Protein backbone atom coordinates (compact mmCIF):
# COMPACT_ATOMS: atom_id res chain seq x y z
CA MET A 1 -65.39 19.55 -59.79
CA HIS A 2 -64.08 16.11 -59.01
CA THR A 3 -64.58 14.85 -62.58
CA GLN A 4 -63.08 17.96 -64.14
CA SER A 5 -59.95 17.78 -62.00
CA LYS A 6 -59.18 14.32 -63.33
CA GLN A 7 -58.92 15.87 -66.80
CA LEU A 8 -56.42 18.58 -65.83
CA ASN A 9 -52.99 18.29 -67.33
CA LEU A 10 -49.80 20.32 -67.33
CA LEU A 11 -50.54 21.77 -70.79
CA THR A 12 -53.68 23.53 -69.54
CA PRO A 13 -53.03 27.31 -69.37
CA SER A 14 -52.36 28.16 -65.73
CA ARG A 15 -54.92 30.98 -65.70
CA GLU A 16 -57.65 28.42 -66.36
CA LEU A 17 -56.76 26.35 -63.30
CA PRO A 18 -58.59 26.80 -59.98
CA LEU A 19 -55.47 27.48 -57.87
CA TYR A 20 -53.85 29.92 -60.29
CA GLY A 21 -51.69 32.36 -58.33
CA LYS A 22 -52.48 30.77 -54.95
CA ARG A 23 -49.58 30.12 -52.60
CA ILE A 24 -50.16 26.93 -50.61
CA LEU A 25 -47.93 26.34 -47.58
CA VAL A 26 -47.11 22.62 -47.39
CA THR A 27 -46.27 21.55 -43.83
CA ALA A 28 -45.95 17.80 -44.52
CA PRO A 29 -42.55 16.12 -44.04
CA ARG A 30 -40.46 16.12 -47.17
CA ASN A 31 -41.20 12.51 -48.15
CA TYR A 32 -44.91 13.44 -48.30
CA ALA A 33 -44.50 17.08 -49.31
CA TYR A 34 -43.39 16.36 -52.84
CA ARG A 35 -46.48 14.21 -53.52
CA LEU A 36 -48.88 16.83 -52.18
CA SER A 37 -47.02 19.59 -54.03
CA GLU A 38 -47.33 17.71 -57.31
CA GLN A 39 -51.11 17.68 -56.93
CA ILE A 40 -51.19 21.38 -56.01
CA ILE A 41 -49.15 22.22 -59.11
CA LYS A 42 -51.58 20.24 -61.28
CA GLN A 43 -54.34 22.50 -59.97
CA GLY A 44 -52.31 25.61 -60.84
CA GLY A 45 -51.14 26.40 -57.29
CA LEU A 46 -47.73 27.46 -56.04
CA PRO A 47 -46.54 25.15 -53.24
CA VAL A 48 -44.32 26.73 -50.60
CA PHE A 49 -42.34 24.15 -48.65
CA MET A 50 -42.29 24.44 -44.88
CA PRO A 51 -42.20 20.95 -43.36
CA THR A 52 -42.98 21.43 -39.68
CA ILE A 53 -42.04 17.84 -38.83
CA GLU A 54 -39.63 15.29 -40.17
CA THR A 55 -39.70 11.52 -40.12
CA CYS A 56 -36.48 9.56 -39.88
CA TYR A 57 -34.98 6.20 -39.04
CA PHE A 58 -33.95 5.09 -35.56
CA SER A 59 -30.35 4.65 -34.50
CA ASN A 60 -31.44 1.84 -32.14
CA TYR A 61 -34.01 -0.67 -33.37
CA GLY A 62 -34.08 -2.94 -30.32
CA LYS A 63 -37.88 -3.18 -29.99
CA LEU A 64 -38.51 -3.49 -33.72
CA ASP A 65 -35.81 -6.13 -34.07
CA ALA A 66 -37.39 -8.16 -31.28
CA ALA A 67 -40.77 -8.00 -33.00
CA LEU A 68 -39.29 -8.95 -36.38
CA ASN A 69 -37.57 -11.96 -34.87
CA HIS A 70 -40.96 -13.20 -33.60
CA ILE A 71 -43.10 -12.00 -36.50
CA ALA A 72 -44.72 -15.42 -36.97
CA GLU A 73 -46.49 -14.94 -33.62
CA PHE A 74 -48.70 -12.19 -35.05
CA ASP A 75 -51.90 -12.79 -36.98
CA TRP A 76 -52.14 -9.24 -38.36
CA ILE A 77 -49.73 -6.40 -39.10
CA VAL A 78 -51.61 -3.11 -39.28
CA PHE A 79 -49.77 -0.21 -40.93
CA THR A 80 -51.11 3.28 -40.27
CA SER A 81 -48.71 5.17 -42.56
CA ARG A 82 -46.47 4.83 -45.58
CA ASN A 83 -43.51 5.76 -43.37
CA GLY A 84 -44.24 2.78 -41.15
CA ILE A 85 -44.27 0.47 -44.15
CA THR A 86 -41.00 1.82 -45.53
CA ALA A 87 -39.16 1.70 -42.20
CA PHE A 88 -40.50 -1.77 -41.37
CA PHE A 89 -39.30 -3.39 -44.60
CA HIS A 90 -36.09 -1.36 -44.65
CA ARG A 91 -35.19 -2.86 -41.29
CA MET A 92 -36.14 -6.37 -42.45
CA ASN A 93 -33.77 -5.91 -45.38
CA ASN A 94 -30.96 -4.71 -43.10
CA LEU A 95 -31.38 -7.81 -40.94
CA ASN A 96 -31.55 -10.07 -44.00
CA ILE A 97 -34.98 -11.29 -42.95
CA PRO A 98 -36.79 -12.63 -46.03
CA VAL A 99 -40.06 -10.95 -46.98
CA SER A 100 -41.63 -14.41 -47.04
CA VAL A 101 -41.85 -14.38 -43.22
CA VAL A 102 -44.76 -11.93 -43.35
CA GLN A 103 -46.73 -14.02 -45.82
CA LYS A 104 -48.41 -15.91 -42.99
CA CYS A 105 -49.62 -12.65 -41.45
CA GLN A 106 -52.64 -10.68 -42.64
CA LEU A 107 -51.53 -7.22 -43.75
CA CYS A 108 -53.55 -4.00 -43.56
CA ALA A 109 -52.78 -0.59 -45.09
CA LEU A 110 -54.71 2.63 -45.63
CA GLY A 111 -55.64 4.08 -49.03
CA LYS A 112 -52.74 4.65 -51.39
CA ASP A 113 -50.35 3.22 -48.77
CA ALA A 114 -51.47 -0.18 -50.04
CA GLU A 115 -49.48 0.46 -53.23
CA SER A 116 -46.32 0.87 -51.14
CA LEU A 117 -47.06 -2.31 -49.20
CA LEU A 118 -47.57 -4.23 -52.43
CA SER A 119 -44.25 -2.98 -53.78
CA PHE A 120 -42.42 -4.37 -50.75
CA CYS A 121 -44.08 -7.74 -50.31
CA GLY A 122 -46.70 -8.24 -53.03
CA LYS A 123 -49.47 -8.72 -50.49
CA VAL A 124 -52.28 -6.66 -48.98
CA ASP A 125 -55.17 -8.38 -47.22
CA LEU A 126 -57.21 -5.39 -46.06
CA ILE A 127 -57.67 -1.85 -47.34
CA PRO A 128 -60.42 -0.29 -45.19
CA THR A 129 -63.19 1.50 -47.06
CA GLU A 130 -62.60 4.49 -44.79
CA SER A 131 -58.91 5.44 -44.91
CA SER A 132 -58.54 5.99 -41.18
CA PRO A 133 -57.85 4.16 -37.92
CA ALA A 134 -61.63 4.08 -37.36
CA GLY A 135 -61.92 2.35 -40.72
CA ILE A 136 -59.40 -0.27 -39.60
CA VAL A 137 -61.37 -0.98 -36.43
CA ALA A 138 -64.67 -1.19 -38.32
CA GLU A 139 -63.29 -3.74 -40.80
CA LEU A 140 -61.52 -5.89 -38.21
CA ALA A 141 -64.65 -5.93 -36.04
CA LYS A 142 -66.44 -7.80 -38.85
CA ILE A 143 -63.98 -10.70 -38.79
CA PRO A 144 -65.11 -13.83 -36.88
CA GLN A 145 -62.95 -14.74 -33.88
CA ILE A 146 -60.96 -11.51 -34.20
CA HIS A 147 -60.76 -11.37 -30.41
CA ASP A 148 -58.41 -14.35 -30.52
CA LYS A 149 -55.92 -12.59 -32.79
CA LYS A 150 -52.62 -10.84 -32.14
CA VAL A 151 -52.02 -7.56 -33.96
CA LEU A 152 -48.72 -5.76 -34.49
CA ILE A 153 -48.84 -2.00 -35.12
CA PRO A 154 -45.62 -0.44 -36.47
CA ALA A 155 -45.92 3.17 -35.29
CA PRO A 156 -43.88 6.35 -34.95
CA GLU A 157 -42.13 7.45 -31.80
CA VAL A 158 -42.98 11.12 -31.40
CA VAL A 159 -40.08 13.23 -30.11
CA GLY A 160 -40.29 16.81 -28.88
CA LEU A 161 -44.05 17.11 -29.51
CA PRO A 162 -47.20 15.91 -27.75
CA GLU A 163 -48.17 12.61 -29.33
CA PRO A 164 -51.38 12.88 -31.40
CA ASP A 165 -54.12 10.58 -30.14
CA VAL A 166 -54.44 8.70 -33.45
CA VAL A 167 -52.38 5.59 -32.64
CA PRO A 168 -53.27 5.44 -28.90
CA ASN A 169 -56.98 5.59 -29.78
CA LEU A 170 -56.53 2.88 -32.41
CA ILE A 171 -54.87 0.62 -29.86
CA THR A 172 -57.62 1.24 -27.30
CA ASP A 173 -60.36 0.55 -29.84
CA LEU A 174 -58.72 -2.70 -30.96
CA GLN A 175 -58.23 -3.82 -27.36
CA GLN A 176 -61.94 -3.24 -26.75
CA LEU A 177 -62.57 -5.86 -29.45
CA GLY A 178 -60.53 -8.27 -27.34
CA ILE A 179 -57.50 -8.14 -29.64
CA GLU A 180 -54.01 -8.49 -28.19
CA VAL A 181 -52.18 -5.44 -29.56
CA THR A 182 -48.43 -4.87 -29.71
CA ARG A 183 -47.21 -1.43 -30.66
CA VAL A 184 -43.62 -1.26 -31.91
CA PRO A 185 -41.72 1.98 -32.59
CA THR A 186 -40.62 1.83 -36.22
CA TYR A 187 -39.52 5.39 -37.08
CA ILE A 188 -39.24 8.82 -35.47
CA THR A 189 -41.49 11.83 -35.92
CA GLN A 190 -40.02 15.06 -34.59
CA GLY A 191 -40.43 18.80 -34.86
CA LEU A 192 -38.07 21.09 -36.76
CA ASP A 193 -36.24 24.19 -35.57
CA THR A 194 -38.18 27.40 -36.16
CA SER A 195 -34.99 29.30 -37.00
CA ILE A 196 -34.73 27.73 -40.45
CA TYR A 197 -38.06 29.23 -41.53
CA SER A 198 -37.64 32.99 -41.12
CA ILE A 199 -38.52 33.64 -44.78
CA GLU A 200 -41.60 31.42 -44.80
CA LEU A 201 -42.88 32.81 -41.48
CA ASN A 202 -42.44 36.34 -42.83
CA LEU A 203 -44.52 35.41 -45.87
CA ILE A 204 -47.27 34.22 -43.54
CA ASN A 205 -47.11 37.41 -41.45
CA GLN A 206 -47.21 39.58 -44.56
CA GLY A 207 -50.34 37.87 -45.88
CA MET A 208 -48.47 36.33 -48.83
CA ILE A 209 -49.68 32.78 -48.13
CA ASP A 210 -53.23 31.95 -49.21
CA VAL A 211 -53.59 28.48 -47.68
CA ILE A 212 -51.81 26.48 -44.98
CA ALA A 213 -52.27 22.77 -45.75
CA PHE A 214 -51.96 20.37 -42.81
CA SER A 215 -51.90 16.64 -43.49
CA SER A 216 -51.47 15.45 -39.87
CA THR A 217 -52.03 16.55 -36.29
CA ALA A 218 -48.29 16.52 -35.58
CA GLU A 219 -47.78 19.11 -38.34
CA VAL A 220 -50.35 21.37 -36.69
CA GLU A 221 -48.80 20.98 -33.24
CA SER A 222 -45.31 21.77 -34.51
CA PHE A 223 -46.54 24.73 -36.58
CA LEU A 224 -48.17 26.27 -33.51
CA THR A 225 -44.79 26.25 -31.71
CA MET A 226 -43.35 28.28 -34.60
CA VAL A 227 -45.80 31.19 -34.41
CA ASN A 228 -46.41 33.65 -31.59
CA SER A 229 -50.20 33.67 -31.75
CA GLN A 230 -53.19 33.05 -33.99
CA SER A 231 -52.87 36.60 -35.32
CA ASP A 232 -49.66 35.56 -37.10
CA TYR A 233 -51.61 33.36 -39.52
CA GLU A 234 -55.17 34.69 -39.31
CA GLY A 235 -54.99 35.91 -42.91
CA CYS A 236 -54.46 32.35 -44.17
CA ILE A 237 -57.13 29.84 -45.05
CA ILE A 238 -56.54 26.56 -43.21
CA ALA A 239 -56.98 23.25 -45.02
CA CYS A 240 -56.84 19.83 -43.35
CA PHE A 241 -56.45 16.34 -44.81
CA GLY A 242 -59.58 14.55 -43.63
CA PRO A 243 -61.88 14.82 -40.61
CA TYR A 244 -59.48 13.47 -37.99
CA THR A 245 -56.73 16.01 -38.57
CA THR A 246 -59.49 18.63 -38.77
CA ALA A 247 -60.98 17.65 -35.41
CA ASN A 248 -57.60 17.73 -33.70
CA ALA A 249 -56.66 21.06 -35.31
CA ARG A 250 -59.89 22.59 -34.03
CA LYS A 251 -59.18 21.22 -30.55
CA LEU A 252 -55.88 23.12 -30.76
CA GLY A 253 -57.76 26.33 -31.56
CA VAL A 254 -57.17 26.40 -35.32
CA ASN A 255 -60.03 27.64 -37.51
CA VAL A 256 -60.29 25.11 -40.36
CA SER A 257 -62.10 26.16 -43.55
CA ILE A 258 -61.24 23.32 -45.96
CA VAL A 259 -61.64 19.62 -45.18
CA SER A 260 -60.92 17.00 -47.85
CA ARG A 261 -63.74 14.48 -48.13
CA ASP A 262 -61.46 12.10 -50.05
CA TYR A 263 -58.53 11.49 -47.73
CA SER A 264 -57.25 8.30 -49.32
CA SER A 265 -54.77 10.31 -51.42
CA PHE A 266 -53.24 13.77 -51.73
CA GLU A 267 -55.05 14.17 -55.03
CA GLY A 268 -58.28 14.42 -53.06
CA PHE A 269 -56.71 17.00 -50.74
CA ALA A 270 -55.62 19.23 -53.62
CA GLU A 271 -59.05 18.85 -55.20
CA ALA A 272 -60.73 20.01 -51.98
CA ILE A 273 -58.57 23.14 -51.90
CA ALA A 274 -59.27 23.79 -55.58
CA GLU A 275 -63.00 23.29 -55.09
CA PHE A 276 -63.02 25.81 -52.24
CA PHE A 277 -61.58 28.54 -54.46
CA THR A 278 -63.82 27.58 -57.38
CA LEU A 279 -66.91 27.94 -55.20
CA THR A 280 -65.59 31.18 -53.69
CA SER A 281 -64.93 32.58 -57.14
CA ASN A 282 -68.38 31.55 -58.38
CA SER A 283 -70.06 33.11 -55.34
CA HIS A 284 -68.12 36.35 -55.86
CA GLN A 285 -69.10 36.41 -59.52
CA ALA A 286 -72.76 35.80 -58.65
CA LEU A 287 -72.74 38.75 -56.25
CA GLN A 288 -71.24 40.96 -58.93
CA ASP A 289 -73.90 39.86 -61.39
CA VAL A 290 -76.64 40.74 -58.86
CA GLU A 291 -75.11 44.17 -58.27
């Protein structure tokens, strides 16, 4: 399935595509939603936009500004999201701080986020094999004398939602290696008002949504505040972007059926959803053949 999906193009008849006629609810914030939706469309699916969170800039950058003014003190800057990269370099530009100041630091980014980091500063020193905070820890643990290093983590400030344990666990794991870690709020992640989604929530209740695709724990948490109970979405198949979002979704009581094994890009996420329906269709056809 993985090889075939690479060959799909927009001239392939939609009926031949694995997600033909499937409505996929995309809960990612809008700056991620369009990238995931593009991959869903390539697989023949119909993305339905319902961002349950949004990410935005701060009005007060006091802590980030202080870190940027002392950036030379850090040995590593570890980015955990594309949003963090964008907000970090956007603020540097606003303060007229030259990109050259980060050249003395080692820079880390996850998966496809490395492309964004390269576009801003032309430098990436570490892309973990596993595109996750655990992958970051595993790679840094291999570096001699890492316990003597200072690491800066540009991270979101979560507003109006419980903070997912992703960044706190990363900090704890790095500190256990003896690393001095500084977390700096770089952008805001916040929930959205349920009232703007009456149409989308009705589609879910009416069984008109085939899949709900979650790309982060915060999306799951915010979504659960928008529904009354599990019965509201029990007719939907739940897909999660990678094992960490999956684990947290299950802790929150969500029954996850699709987990993307490749979580370095949204292409892998869309492929996992497509593969699920391909296998389901093949199983159904096999049963019919037996009958």
